[in-house]
């Protein structure tokens, strides 16, 4: 499924085009910023909202160049496992676990589902 992007140029020109990888990455990053501190969501939940695969969400997050401002550590696998975490091109899974522990004040992070993204669903 392709995601449409609407561009408005001047005040009288509207262009509808297919989203690029950068467009989709911006949307994924915006959605992740909706996940509250101390909570997590899954690659699958984000993928459902956009009509893309969980693997594609993971690929986008792996390329996140600002991992604290765009809190990709708050995205985990559907089975509850942490999944990977990359900082500056290097695996840092231990850091993902530590960030989640700090944000949840040492407890278990709460889990949020599609409801957190209400109004952002594709379709």
PDB file of N, CA and C in Angstrom:
ATOM      1  N   UNK A   1       0.846  -1.174   0.000  1.00  0.00           N
ATOM      2  CA  UNK A   1       0.000   0.000   0.000  1.00  0.00           C
ATOM      3  C   UNK A   1       0.890   1.234   0.000  1.00  0.00           C
ATOM      4  N   UNK A   2       0.566   2.196  -0.850  1.00  0.00           N
ATOM      5  CA  UNK A   2       1.364   3.419  -0.873  1.00  0.00           C
ATOM      6  C   UNK A   2       0.680   4.496  -0.039  1.00  0.00           C
ATOM      7  N   UNK A   3       1.489   5.351   0.522  1.00  0.00           N
ATOM      8  CA  UNK A   3       0.996   6.428   1.361  1.00  0.00           C
ATOM      9  C   UNK A   3       1.005   7.704   0.525  1.00  0.00           C
ATOM     10  N   UNK A   4      -0.146   8.365   0.394  1.00  0.00           N
ATOM     11  CA  UNK A   4      -0.164   9.605  -0.389  1.00  0.00           C
ATOM     12  C   UNK A   4       0.365  10.783   0.426  1.00  0.00           C
ATOM     13  N   UNK A   5       1.044  11.677  -0.257  1.00  0.00           N
ATOM     14  CA  UNK A   5       1.522  12.914   0.352  1.00  0.00           C
ATOM     15  C   UNK A   5       0.908  14.055  -0.448  1.00  0.00           C
ATOM     16  N   UNK A   6       0.335  15.005   0.244  1.00  0.00           N
ATOM     17  CA  UNK A   6      -0.269  16.156  -0.422  1.00  0.00           C
ATOM     18  C   UNK A   6       0.637  17.356  -0.196  1.00  0.00           C
ATOM     19  N   UNK A   7       1.044  17.974  -1.300  1.00  0.00           N
ATOM     20  CA  UNK A   7       1.874  19.173  -1.225  1.00  0.00           C
ATOM     21  C   UNK A   7       1.070  20.346  -1.765  1.00  0.00           C
ATOM     22  N   UNK A   8       1.128  21.460  -1.075  1.00  0.00           N
ATOM     23  CA  UNK A   8       0.451  22.665  -1.542  1.00  0.00           C
ATOM     24  C   UNK A   8       1.531  23.677  -1.900  1.00  0.00           C
ATOM     25  N   UNK A   9       1.547  24.060  -3.168  1.00  0.00           N
ATOM     26  CA  UNK A   9       2.514  25.034  -3.665  1.00  0.00           C
ATOM     27  C   UNK A   9       1.767  26.318  -3.995  1.00  0.00           C
ATOM     28  N   UNK A  10       2.352  27.428  -3.611  1.00  0.00           N
ATOM     29  CA  UNK A  10       1.681  28.717  -3.763  1.00  0.00           C
ATOM     30  C   UNK A  10       0.335  28.618  -3.068  1.00  0.00           C
ATOM     31  N   UNK A  11      -0.676  29.166  -3.607  1.00  0.00           N
ATOM     32  CA  UNK A  11      -1.986  29.022  -2.975  1.00  0.00           C
ATOM     33  C   UNK A  11      -2.967  28.323  -3.892  1.00  0.00           C
ATOM     34  N   UNK A  12      -2.518  27.955  -5.081  1.00  0.00           N
ATOM     35  CA  UNK A  12      -3.461  27.369  -6.026  1.00  0.00           C
ATOM     36  C   UNK A  12      -2.987  26.075  -6.675  1.00  0.00           C
ATOM     37  N   UNK A  13      -1.861  25.537  -6.246  1.00  0.00           N
ATOM     38  CA  UNK A  13      -1.362  24.302  -6.838  1.00  0.00           C
ATOM     39  C   UNK A  13      -1.266  23.223  -5.769  1.00  0.00           C
ATOM     40  N   UNK A  14      -1.957  22.128  -6.004  1.00  0.00           N
ATOM     41  CA  UNK A  14      -1.919  20.990  -5.085  1.00  0.00           C
ATOM     42  C   UNK A  14      -1.360  19.795  -5.842  1.00  0.00           C
ATOM     43  N   UNK A  15      -0.366  19.158  -5.255  1.00  0.00           N
ATOM     44  CA  UNK A  15       0.237  17.972  -5.860  1.00  0.00           C
ATOM     45  C   UNK A  15       0.048  16.804  -4.901  1.00  0.00           C
ATOM     46  N   UNK A  16      -0.467  15.705  -5.423  1.00  0.00           N
ATOM     47  CA  UNK A  16      -0.584  14.477  -4.640  1.00  0.00           C
ATOM     48  C   UNK A  16       0.420  13.496  -5.219  1.00  0.00           C
ATOM     49  N   UNK A  17       1.304  13.011  -4.377  1.00  0.00           N
ATOM     50  CA  UNK A  17       2.341  12.086  -4.841  1.00  0.00           C
ATOM     51  C   UNK A  17       2.496  10.945  -3.853  1.00  0.00           C
ATOM     52  N   UNK A  18       3.221   9.950  -4.277  1.00  0.00           N
ATOM     53  CA  UNK A  18       3.516   8.802  -3.422  1.00  0.00           C
ATOM     54  C   UNK A  18       4.618   9.185  -2.439  1.00  0.00           C
ATOM     55  N   UNK A  19       4.467   8.783  -1.192  1.00  0.00           N
ATOM     56  CA  UNK A  19       5.454   9.108  -0.158  1.00  0.00           C
ATOM     57  C   UNK A  19       6.800   8.459  -0.456  1.00  0.00           C
ATOM     58  N   UNK A  20       7.857   9.211  -0.206  1.00  0.00           N
ATOM     59  CA  UNK A  20       9.211   8.677  -0.328  1.00  0.00           C
ATOM     60  C   UNK A  20       9.610   8.039   1.005  1.00  0.00           C
ATOM     61  N   UNK A  21      10.754   7.389   1.018  1.00  0.00           N
ATOM     62  CA  UNK A  21      11.265   6.804   2.257  1.00  0.00           C
ATOM     63  C   UNK A  21      11.452   7.889   3.323  1.00  0.00           C
ATOM     64  N   UNK A  22      11.935   9.059   2.916  1.00  0.00           N
ATOM     65  CA  UNK A  22      12.128  10.155   3.873  1.00  0.00           C
ATOM     66  C   UNK A  22      10.800  10.642   4.446  1.00  0.00           C
ATOM     67  N   UNK A  23       9.766  10.706   3.603  1.00  0.00           N
ATOM     68  CA  UNK A  23       8.433  11.098   4.088  1.00  0.00           C
ATOM     69  C   UNK A  23       7.940  10.114   5.139  1.00  0.00           C
ATOM     70  N   UNK A  24       8.081   8.827   4.835  1.00  0.00           N
ATOM     71  CA  UNK A  24       7.613   7.785   5.755  1.00  0.00           C
ATOM     72  C   UNK A  24       8.410   7.835   7.055  1.00  0.00           C
ATOM     73  N   UNK A  25       9.721   8.056   6.946  1.00  0.00           N
ATOM     74  CA  UNK A  25      10.555   8.153   8.148  1.00  0.00           C
ATOM     75  C   UNK A  25      10.083   9.312   9.028  1.00  0.00           C
ATOM     76  N   UNK A  26       9.777  10.448   8.428  1.00  0.00           N
ATOM     77  CA  UNK A  26       9.281  11.594   9.208  1.00  0.00           C
ATOM     78  C   UNK A  26       8.003  11.249   9.952  1.00  0.00           C
ATOM     79  N   UNK A  27       7.111  10.517   9.280  1.00  0.00           N
ATOM     80  CA  UNK A  27       5.847  10.130   9.911  1.00  0.00           C
ATOM     81  C   UNK A  27       6.110   9.155  11.058  1.00  0.00           C
ATOM     82  N   UNK A  28       6.974   8.166  10.827  1.00  0.00           N
ATOM     83  CA  UNK A  28       7.312   7.196  11.876  1.00  0.00           C
ATOM     84  C   UNK A  28       7.901   7.924  13.085  1.00  0.00           C
ATOM     85  N   UNK A  29       8.834   8.841  12.842  1.00  0.00           N
ATOM     86  CA  UNK A  29       9.452   9.584  13.938  1.00  0.00           C
ATOM     87  C   UNK A  29       8.413  10.409  14.700  1.00  0.00           C
ATOM     88  N   UNK A  30       7.481  11.015  13.982  1.00  0.00           N
ATOM     89  CA  UNK A  30       6.429  11.802  14.640  1.00  0.00           C
ATOM     90  C   UNK A  30       5.544  10.907  15.505  1.00  0.00           C
ATOM     91  N   UNK A  31       5.199   9.726  15.002  1.00  0.00           N
ATOM     92  CA  UNK A  31       4.359   8.804  15.770  1.00  0.00           C
ATOM     93  C   UNK A  31       5.067   8.338  17.041  1.00  0.00           C
ATOM     94  N   UNK A  32       6.347   8.055  16.934  1.00  0.00           N
ATOM     95  CA  UNK A  32       7.100   7.577  18.098  1.00  0.00           C
ATOM     96  C   UNK A  32       7.140   8.642  19.192  1.00  0.00           C
ATOM     97  N   UNK A  33       7.164   9.889  18.800  1.00  0.00           N
ATOM     98  CA  UNK A  33       7.196  10.956  19.798  1.00  0.00           C
ATOM     99  C   UNK A  33       5.888  11.056  20.575  1.00  0.00           C
ATOM    100  N   UNK A  34       4.844  10.367  20.119  1.00  0.00           N
ATOM    101  CA  UNK A  34       3.576  10.319  20.855  1.00  0.00           C
ATOM    102  C   UNK A  34       3.597   9.291  21.984  1.00  0.00           C
ATOM    103  N   UNK A  35       4.572   8.385  21.964  1.00  0.00           N
ATOM    104  CA  UNK A  35       4.656   7.346  22.997  1.00  0.00           C
ATOM    105  C   UNK A  35       5.182   7.990  24.282  1.00  0.00           C
ATOM    106  N   UNK A  36       4.401   7.935  25.356  1.00  0.00           N
ATOM    107  CA  UNK A  36       4.807   8.604  26.599  1.00  0.00           C
ATOM    108  C   UNK A  36       6.084   8.015  27.213  1.00  0.00           C
ATOM    109  N   UNK A  37       6.792   8.842  27.944  1.00  0.00           N
ATOM    110  CA  UNK A  37       7.958   8.381  28.699  1.00  0.00           C
ATOM    111  C   UNK A  37       7.499   7.272  29.641  1.00  0.00           C
ATOM    112  N   UNK A  38       8.271   6.189  29.694  1.00  0.00           N
ATOM    113  CA  UNK A  38       7.929   5.062  30.561  1.00  0.00           C
ATOM    114  C   UNK A  38       7.048   4.030  29.891  1.00  0.00           C
ATOM    115  N   UNK A  39       6.717   4.257  28.622  1.00  0.00           N
ATOM    116  CA  UNK A  39       5.864   3.317  27.882  1.00  0.00           C
ATOM    117  C   UNK A  39       6.574   2.855  26.615  1.00  0.00           C
ATOM    118  N   UNK A  40       6.064   1.787  26.038  1.00  0.00           N
ATOM    119  CA  UNK A  40       6.578   1.280  24.767  1.00  0.00           C
ATOM    120  C   UNK A  40       5.409   0.980  23.836  1.00  0.00           C
ATOM    121  N   UNK A  41       5.715   0.908  22.559  1.00  0.00           N
ATOM    122  CA  UNK A  41       4.791   0.398  21.557  1.00  0.00           C
ATOM    123  C   UNK A  41       5.577  -0.606  20.730  1.00  0.00           C
ATOM    124  N   UNK A  42       4.954  -1.187  19.720  1.00  0.00           N
ATOM    125  CA  UNK A  42       5.645  -2.203  18.927  1.00  0.00           C
ATOM    126  C   UNK A  42       5.853  -1.739  17.488  1.00  0.00           C
ATOM    127  N   UNK A  43       6.799  -2.398  16.842  1.00  0.00           N
ATOM    128  CA  UNK A  43       7.024  -2.156  15.422  1.00  0.00           C
ATOM    129  C   UNK A  43       5.729  -2.426  14.660  1.00  0.00           C
ATOM    130  N   UNK A  44       5.004  -3.470  15.068  1.00  0.00           N
ATOM    131  CA  UNK A  44       3.756  -3.850  14.396  1.00  0.00           C
ATOM    132  C   UNK A  44       2.677  -2.791  14.538  1.00  0.00           C
ATOM    133  N   UNK A  45       2.551  -2.199  15.720  1.00  0.00           N
ATOM    134  CA  UNK A  45       1.524  -1.170  15.931  1.00  0.00           C
ATOM    135  C   UNK A  45       1.772   0.026  15.013  1.00  0.00           C
ATOM    136  N   UNK A  46       3.003   0.455  14.920  1.00  0.00           N
ATOM    137  CA  UNK A  46       3.337   1.578  14.038  1.00  0.00           C
ATOM    138  C   UNK A  46       3.103   1.188  12.586  1.00  0.00           C
ATOM    139  N   UNK A  47       3.494  -0.029  12.232  1.00  0.00           N
ATOM    140  CA  UNK A  47       3.310  -0.511  10.862  1.00  0.00           C
ATOM    141  C   UNK A  47       1.834  -0.533  10.474  1.00  0.00           C
ATOM    142  N   UNK A  48       0.970  -0.970  11.390  1.00  0.00           N
ATOM    143  CA  UNK A  48      -0.474  -1.016  11.109  1.00  0.00           C
ATOM    144  C   UNK A  48      -1.023   0.368  10.805  1.00  0.00           C
ATOM    145  N   UNK A  49      -0.579   1.355  11.548  1.00  0.00           N
ATOM    146  CA  UNK A  49      -1.059   2.724  11.346  1.00  0.00           C
ATOM    147  C   UNK A  49      -0.742   3.202   9.931  1.00  0.00           C
ATOM    148  N   UNK A  50       0.440   2.856   9.440  1.00  0.00           N
ATOM    149  CA  UNK A  50       0.900   3.362   8.148  1.00  0.00           C
ATOM    150  C   UNK A  50       0.664   2.411   6.985  1.00  0.00           C
ATOM    151  N   UNK A  51       0.272   1.180   7.273  1.00  0.00           N
ATOM    152  CA  UNK A  51       0.081   0.220   6.190  1.00  0.00           C
ATOM    153  C   UNK A  51       1.394  -0.249   5.590  1.00  0.00           C
ATOM    154  N   UNK A  52       2.430  -0.347   6.441  1.00  0.00           N
ATOM    155  CA  UNK A  52       3.735  -0.842   5.999  1.00  0.00           C
ATOM    156  C   UNK A  52       4.101  -2.043   6.863  1.00  0.00           C
ATOM    157  N   UNK A  53       5.239  -2.657   6.598  1.00  0.00           N
ATOM    158  CA  UNK A  53       5.632  -3.834   7.367  1.00  0.00           C
ATOM    159  C   UNK A  53       6.398  -3.432   8.632  1.00  0.00           C
ATOM    160  N   UNK A  54       6.307  -4.257   9.674  1.00  0.00           N
ATOM    161  CA  UNK A  54       7.091  -3.993  10.885  1.00  0.00           C
ATOM    162  C   UNK A  54       8.596  -3.939  10.596  1.00  0.00           C
ATOM    163  N   UNK A  55       9.026  -4.751   9.665  1.00  0.00           N
ATOM    164  CA  UNK A  55      10.447  -4.767   9.311  1.00  0.00           C
ATOM    165  C   UNK A  55      10.893  -3.426   8.722  1.00  0.00           C
ATOM    166  N   UNK A  56       9.999  -2.814   7.944  1.00  0.00           N
ATOM    167  CA  UNK A  56      10.320  -1.506   7.362  1.00  0.00           C
ATOM    168  C   UNK A  56      10.408  -0.444   8.461  1.00  0.00           C
ATOM    169  N   UNK A  57       9.533  -0.530   9.450  1.00  0.00           N
ATOM    170  CA  UNK A  57       9.598   0.382  10.599  1.00  0.00           C
ATOM    171  C   UNK A  57      10.951   0.217  11.292  1.00  0.00           C
ATOM    172  N   UNK A  58      11.366  -1.026  11.523  1.00  0.00           N
ATOM    173  CA  UNK A  58      12.651  -1.295  12.178  1.00  0.00           C
ATOM    174  C   UNK A  58      13.813  -0.725  11.367  1.00  0.00           C
ATOM    175  N   UNK A  59      13.742  -0.867  10.054  1.00  0.00           N
ATOM    176  CA  UNK A  59      14.802  -0.346   9.180  1.00  0.00           C
ATOM    177  C   UNK A  59      14.901   1.179   9.306  1.00  0.00           C
ATOM    178  N   UNK A  60      13.750   1.838   9.321  1.00  0.00           N
ATOM    179  CA  UNK A  60      13.734   3.298   9.472  1.00  0.00           C
ATOM    180  C   UNK A  60      14.338   3.695  10.819  1.00  0.00           C
ATOM    181  N   UNK A  61      13.951   2.991  11.875  1.00  0.00           N
ATOM    182  CA  UNK A  61      14.448   3.337  13.209  1.00  0.00           C
ATOM    183  C   UNK A  61      15.944   3.080  13.342  1.00  0.00           C
ATOM    184  N   UNK A  62      16.432   2.072  12.638  1.00  0.00           N
ATOM    185  CA  UNK A  62      17.866   1.779  12.670  1.00  0.00           C
ATOM    186  C   UNK A  62      18.670   2.957  12.117  1.00  0.00           C
ATOM    187  N   UNK A  63      18.060   3.709  11.211  1.00  0.00           N
ATOM    188  CA  UNK A  63      18.741   4.843  10.581  1.00  0.00           C
ATOM    189  C   UNK A  63      18.495   6.169  11.305  1.00  0.00           C
ATOM    190  N   UNK A  64      17.805   6.130  12.432  1.00  0.00           N
ATOM    191  CA  UNK A  64      17.518   7.334  13.215  1.00  0.00           C
ATOM    192  C   UNK A  64      18.831   7.972  13.671  1.00  0.00           C
ATOM    193  N   UNK A  65      19.055   9.204  13.275  1.00  0.00           N
ATOM    194  CA  UNK A  65      20.304   9.897  13.622  1.00  0.00           C
ATOM    195  C   UNK A  65      20.214  10.680  14.931  1.00  0.00           C
ATOM    196  N   UNK A  66      19.036  10.702  15.529  1.00  0.00           N
ATOM    197  CA  UNK A  66      18.864  11.454  16.770  1.00  0.00           C
ATOM    198  C   UNK A  66      18.059  10.607  17.754  1.00  0.00           C
ATOM    199  N   UNK A  67      18.665   9.526  18.266  1.00  0.00           N
ATOM    200  CA  UNK A  67      17.918   8.512  19.012  1.00  0.00           C
ATOM    201  C   UNK A  67      17.348   8.926  20.368  1.00  0.00           C
ATOM    202  N   UNK A  68      17.758  10.041  20.925  1.00  0.00           N
ATOM    203  CA  UNK A  68      17.151  10.470  22.182  1.00  0.00           C
ATOM    204  C   UNK A  68      15.960  11.382  21.889  1.00  0.00           C
ATOM    205  N   UNK A  69      16.137  12.347  20.996  1.00  0.00           N
ATOM    206  CA  UNK A  69      15.033  13.245  20.630  1.00  0.00           C
ATOM    207  C   UNK A  69      13.905  12.482  19.943  1.00  0.00           C
ATOM    208  N   UNK A  70      14.263  11.511  19.133  1.00  0.00           N
ATOM    209  CA  UNK A  70      13.281  10.626  18.499  1.00  0.00           C
ATOM    210  C   UNK A  70      13.439   9.287  19.209  1.00  0.00           C
ATOM    211  N   UNK A  71      12.619   9.036  20.224  1.00  0.00           N
ATOM    212  CA  UNK A  71      12.852   7.933  21.163  1.00  0.00           C
ATOM    213  C   UNK A  71      12.535   6.539  20.612  1.00  0.00           C
ATOM    214  N   UNK A  72      13.347   6.106  19.654  1.00  0.00           N
ATOM    215  CA  UNK A  72      13.108   4.795  19.046  1.00  0.00           C
ATOM    216  C   UNK A  72      13.320   3.654  20.039  1.00  0.00           C
ATOM    217  N   UNK A  73      13.949   3.938  21.180  1.00  0.00           N
ATOM    218  CA  UNK A  73      14.109   2.897  22.203  1.00  0.00           C
ATOM    219  C   UNK A  73      12.761   2.495  22.789  1.00  0.00           C
ATOM    220  N   UNK A  74      11.719   3.282  22.544  1.00  0.00           N
ATOM    221  CA  UNK A  74      10.379   2.966  23.054  1.00  0.00           C
ATOM    222  C   UNK A  74       9.596   2.041  22.126  1.00  0.00           C
ATOM    223  N   UNK A  75      10.259   1.503  21.110  1.00  0.00           N
ATOM    224  CA  UNK A  75       9.604   0.574  20.183  1.00  0.00           C
ATOM    225  C   UNK A  75      10.227  -0.803  20.373  1.00  0.00           C
ATOM    226  N   UNK A  76       9.382  -1.798  20.641  1.00  0.00           N
ATOM    227  CA  UNK A  76       9.846  -3.161  20.916  1.00  0.00           C
ATOM    228  C   UNK A  76       9.144  -4.146  19.980  1.00  0.00           C
ATOM    229  N   UNK A  77       9.564  -5.389  20.058  1.00  0.00           N
ATOM    230  CA  UNK A  77       8.941  -6.443  19.256  1.00  0.00           C
ATOM    231  C   UNK A  77       7.578  -6.819  19.845  1.00  0.00           C
ATOM    232  N   UNK A  78       6.730  -7.399  19.024  1.00  0.00           N
ATOM    233  CA  UNK A  78       5.376  -7.781  19.459  1.00  0.00           C
ATOM    234  C   UNK A  78       5.375  -8.775  20.605  1.00  0.00           C
ATOM    235  N   UNK A  79       6.412  -9.615  20.673  1.00  0.00           N
ATOM    236  CA  UNK A  79       6.467 -10.620  21.740  1.00  0.00           C
ATOM    237  C   UNK A  79       7.020 -10.046  23.051  1.00  0.00           C
ATOM    238  N   UNK A  80       7.287  -8.739  23.066  1.00  0.00           N
ATOM    239  CA  UNK A  80       7.781  -8.094  24.276  1.00  0.00           C
ATOM    240  C   UNK A  80       9.293  -8.003  24.353  1.00  0.00           C
ATOM    241  N   UNK A  81       9.989  -8.744  23.484  1.00  0.00           N
ATOM    242  CA  UNK A  81      11.453  -8.629  23.469  1.00  0.00           C
ATOM    243  C   UNK A  81      11.836  -7.238  22.978  1.00  0.00           C
ATOM    244  N   UNK A  82      13.017  -6.795  23.362  1.00  0.00           N
ATOM    245  CA  UNK A  82      13.415  -5.431  23.051  1.00  0.00           C
ATOM    246  C   UNK A  82      13.649  -5.169  21.574  1.00  0.00           C
ATOM    247  N   UNK A  83      14.177  -6.128  20.852  1.00  0.00           N
ATOM    248  CA  UNK A  83      14.575  -5.856  19.475  1.00  0.00           C
ATOM    249  C   UNK A  83      15.912  -5.138  19.495  1.00  0.00           C
ATOM    250  N   UNK A  84      16.368  -4.714  18.344  1.00  0.00           N
ATOM    251  CA  UNK A  84      17.675  -4.080  18.261  1.00  0.00           C
ATOM    252  C   UNK A  84      17.645  -2.603  18.603  1.00  0.00           C
ATOM    253  N   UNK A  85      18.841  -2.050  18.771  1.00  0.00           N
ATOM    254  CA  UNK A  85      18.994  -0.623  19.031  1.00  0.00           C
ATOM    255  C   UNK A  85      20.347  -0.218  18.480  1.00  0.00           C
ATOM    256  N   UNK A  86      20.356   0.813  17.659  1.00  0.00           N
ATOM    257  CA  UNK A  86      21.582   1.257  17.012  1.00  0.00           C
ATOM    258  C   UNK A  86      21.820   2.727  17.319  1.00  0.00           C
ATOM    259  N   UNK A  87      23.030   3.050  17.724  1.00  0.00           N
ATOM    260  CA  UNK A  87      23.420   4.437  17.960  1.00  0.00           C
ATOM    261  C   UNK A  87      24.677   4.700  17.148  1.00  0.00           C
ATOM    262  N   UNK A  88      24.629   5.714  16.299  1.00  0.00           N
ATOM    263  CA  UNK A  88      25.767   6.062  15.434  1.00  0.00           C
ATOM    264  C   UNK A  88      26.266   4.865  14.633  1.00  0.00           C
ATOM    265  N   UNK A  89      25.341   4.056  14.137  1.00  0.00           N
ATOM    266  CA  UNK A  89      25.699   2.916  13.303  1.00  0.00           C
ATOM    267  C   UNK A  89      26.190   1.695  14.053  1.00  0.00           C
ATOM    268  N   UNK A  90      26.195   1.742  15.384  1.00  0.00           N
ATOM    269  CA  UNK A  90      26.669   0.608  16.190  1.00  0.00           C
ATOM    270  C   UNK A  90      25.543   0.042  17.032  1.00  0.00           C
ATOM    271  N   UNK A  91      25.541  -1.277  17.171  1.00  0.00           N
ATOM    272  CA  UNK A  91      24.538  -1.929  18.019  1.00  0.00           C
ATOM    273  C   UNK A  91      24.748  -1.509  19.465  1.00  0.00           C
ATOM    274  N   UNK A  92      23.649  -1.190  20.135  1.00  0.00           N
ATOM    275  CA  UNK A  92      23.718  -0.757  21.535  1.00  0.00           C
ATOM    276  C   UNK A  92      22.478  -1.248  22.275  1.00  0.00           C
ATOM    277  N   UNK A  93      22.180  -2.546  22.129  1.00  0.00           N
ATOM    278  CA  UNK A  93      20.977  -3.117  22.739  1.00  0.00           C
ATOM    279  C   UNK A  93      20.940  -2.887  24.250  1.00  0.00           C
ATOM    280  N   UNK A  94      22.110  -2.952  24.894  1.00  0.00           N
ATOM    281  CA  UNK A  94      22.179  -2.727  26.343  1.00  0.00           C
ATOM    282  C   UNK A  94      21.703  -1.320  26.714  1.00  0.00           C
ATOM    283  N   UNK A  95      21.968  -0.347  25.838  1.00  0.00           N
ATOM    284  CA  UNK A  95      21.555   1.029  26.091  1.00  0.00           C
ATOM    285  C   UNK A  95      20.033   1.169  25.993  1.00  0.00           C
ATOM    286  N   UNK A  96      19.420   0.450  25.058  1.00  0.00           N
ATOM    287  CA  UNK A  96      17.958   0.469  24.925  1.00  0.00           C
ATOM    288  C   UNK A  96      17.315  -0.022  26.220  1.00  0.00           C
ATOM    289  N   UNK A  97      17.824  -1.119  26.735  1.00  0.00           N
ATOM    290  CA  UNK A  97      17.291  -1.681  27.976  1.00  0.00           C
ATOM    291  C   UNK A  97      17.455  -0.687  29.126  1.00  0.00           C
ATOM    292  N   UNK A  98      18.605  -0.068  29.177  1.00  0.00           N
ATOM    293  CA  UNK A  98      18.885   0.886  30.263  1.00  0.00           C
ATOM    294  C   UNK A  98      17.987   2.121  30.187  1.00  0.00           C
ATOM    295  N   UNK A  99      17.796   2.651  28.971  1.00  0.00           N
ATOM    296  CA  UNK A  99      16.924   3.812  28.799  1.00  0.00           C
ATOM    297  C   UNK A  99      15.495   3.500  29.228  1.00  0.00           C
ATOM    298  N   UNK A 100      15.011   2.313  28.856  1.00  0.00           N
ATOM    299  CA  UNK A 100      13.651   1.924  29.242  1.00  0.00           C
ATOM    300  C   UNK A 100      13.532   1.761  30.757  1.00  0.00           C
ATOM    301  N   UNK A 101      14.569   1.218  31.379  1.00  0.00           N
ATOM    302  CA  UNK A 101      14.563   1.067  32.843  1.00  0.00           C
ATOM    303  C   UNK A 101      14.516   2.439  33.525  1.00  0.00           C
ATOM    304  N   UNK A 102      15.319   3.361  33.032  1.00  0.00           N
ATOM    305  CA  UNK A 102      15.349   4.709  33.610  1.00  0.00           C
ATOM    306  C   UNK A 102      13.993   5.387  33.441  1.00  0.00           C
ATOM    307  N   UNK A 103      13.440   5.312  32.229  1.00  0.00           N
ATOM    308  CA  UNK A 103      12.170   5.989  31.958  1.00  0.00           C
ATOM    309  C   UNK A 103      11.003   5.391  32.736  1.00  0.00           C
ATOM    310  N   UNK A 104      11.061   4.096  32.998  1.00  0.00           N
ATOM    311  CA  UNK A 104       9.964   3.458  33.741  1.00  0.00           C
ATOM    312  C   UNK A 104      10.265   3.407  35.240  1.00  0.00           C
ATOM    313  N   UNK A 105      11.276   4.169  35.656  1.00  0.00           N
ATOM    314  CA  UNK A 105      11.682   4.251  37.067  1.00  0.00           C
ATOM    315  C   UNK A 105      11.996   2.885  37.657  1.00  0.00           C
ATOM    316  N   UNK A 106      12.629   2.036  36.840  1.00  0.00           N
ATOM    317  CA  UNK A 106      13.061   0.720  37.293  1.00  0.00           C
ATOM    318  C   UNK A 106      12.007  -0.358  37.198  1.00  0.00           C
ATOM    319  N   UNK A 107      10.803   0.006  36.834  1.00  0.00           N
ATOM    320  CA  UNK A 107       9.724  -0.982  36.709  1.00  0.00           C
ATOM    321  C   UNK A 107       9.554  -1.467  35.280  1.00  0.00           C
ATOM    322  N   UNK A 108       8.455  -2.108  35.038  1.00  0.00           N
ATOM    323  CA  UNK A 108       8.120  -2.596  33.704  1.00  0.00           C
ATOM    324  C   UNK A 108       7.477  -1.452  32.919  1.00  0.00           C
ATOM    325  N   UNK A 109       7.962  -1.149  31.701  1.00  0.00           N
ATOM    326  CA  UNK A 109       7.336  -0.082  30.919  1.00  0.00           C
ATOM    327  C   UNK A 109       5.879  -0.425  30.595  1.00  0.00           C
ATOM    328  N   UNK A 110       5.001   0.577  30.613  1.00  0.00           N
ATOM    329  CA  UNK A 110       3.626   0.329  30.184  1.00  0.00           C
ATOM    330  C   UNK A 110       3.633   0.143  28.669  1.00  0.00           C
ATOM    331  N   UNK A 111       2.634  -0.533  28.158  1.00  0.00           N
ATOM    332  CA  UNK A 111       2.576  -0.789  26.723  1.00  0.00           C
ATOM    333  C   UNK A 111       1.372  -0.067  26.144  1.00  0.00           C
ATOM    334  N   UNK A 112       1.591   0.697  25.090  1.00  0.00           N
ATOM    335  CA  UNK A 112       0.499   1.407  24.439  1.00  0.00           C
ATOM    336  C   UNK A 112       0.258   0.809  23.063  1.00  0.00           C
ATOM    337  N   UNK A 113      -0.992   0.809  22.650  1.00  0.00           N
ATOM    338  CA  UNK A 113      -1.361   0.233  21.361  1.00  0.00           C
ATOM    339  C   UNK A 113      -1.812   1.295  20.376  1.00  0.00           C
ATOM    340  N   UNK A 114      -2.608   0.865  19.420  1.00  0.00           N
ATOM    341  CA  UNK A 114      -3.059   1.753  18.353  1.00  0.00           C
ATOM    342  C   UNK A 114      -3.802   2.980  18.859  1.00  0.00           C
ATOM    343  N   UNK A 115      -4.446   2.863  20.012  1.00  0.00           N
ATOM    344  CA  UNK A 115      -5.201   3.988  20.546  1.00  0.00           C
ATOM    345  C   UNK A 115      -4.377   5.252  20.699  1.00  0.00           C
ATOM    346  N   UNK A 116      -3.094   5.095  20.994  1.00  0.00           N
ATOM    347  CA  UNK A 116      -2.221   6.254  21.165  1.00  0.00           C
ATOM    348  C   UNK A 116      -2.078   7.025  19.858  1.00  0.00           C
ATOM    349  N   UNK A 117      -2.276   6.323  18.741  1.00  0.00           N
ATOM    350  CA  UNK A 117      -2.116   6.937  17.428  1.00  0.00           C
ATOM    351  C   UNK A 117      -3.453   7.309  16.797  1.00  0.00           C
ATOM    352  N   UNK A 118      -4.531   7.294  17.587  1.00  0.00           N
ATOM    353  CA  UNK A 118      -5.869   7.579  17.052  1.00  0.00           C
ATOM    354  C   UNK A 118      -5.849   8.855  16.219  1.00  0.00           C
ATOM    355  N   UNK A 119      -6.434   8.769  15.052  1.00  0.00           N
ATOM    356  CA  UNK A 119      -6.456   9.915  14.151  1.00  0.00           C
ATOM    357  C   UNK A 119      -5.314   9.899  13.152  1.00  0.00           C
ATOM    358  N   UNK A 120      -4.359   8.984  13.336  1.00  0.00           N
ATOM    359  CA  UNK A 120      -3.229   8.905  12.418  1.00  0.00           C
ATOM    360  C   UNK A 120      -3.315   7.682  11.513  1.00  0.00           C
ATOM    361  N   UNK A 121      -4.368   6.871  11.686  1.00  0.00           N
ATOM    362  CA  UNK A 121      -4.466   5.634  10.916  1.00  0.00           C
ATOM    363  C   UNK A 121      -4.502   5.919   9.422  1.00  0.00           C
ATOM    364  N   UNK A 122      -3.848   5.037   8.661  1.00  0.00           N
ATOM    365  CA  UNK A 122      -3.831   5.126   7.205  1.00  0.00           C
ATOM    366  C   UNK A 122      -5.087   4.468   6.673  1.00  0.00           C
ATOM    367  N   UNK A 123      -5.782   5.152   5.848  1.00  0.00           N
ATOM    368  CA  UNK A 123      -6.811   4.420   5.244  1.00  0.00           C
ATOM    369  C   UNK A 123      -8.134   4.867   5.076  1.00  0.00           C
TER     370      UNK A 123
END
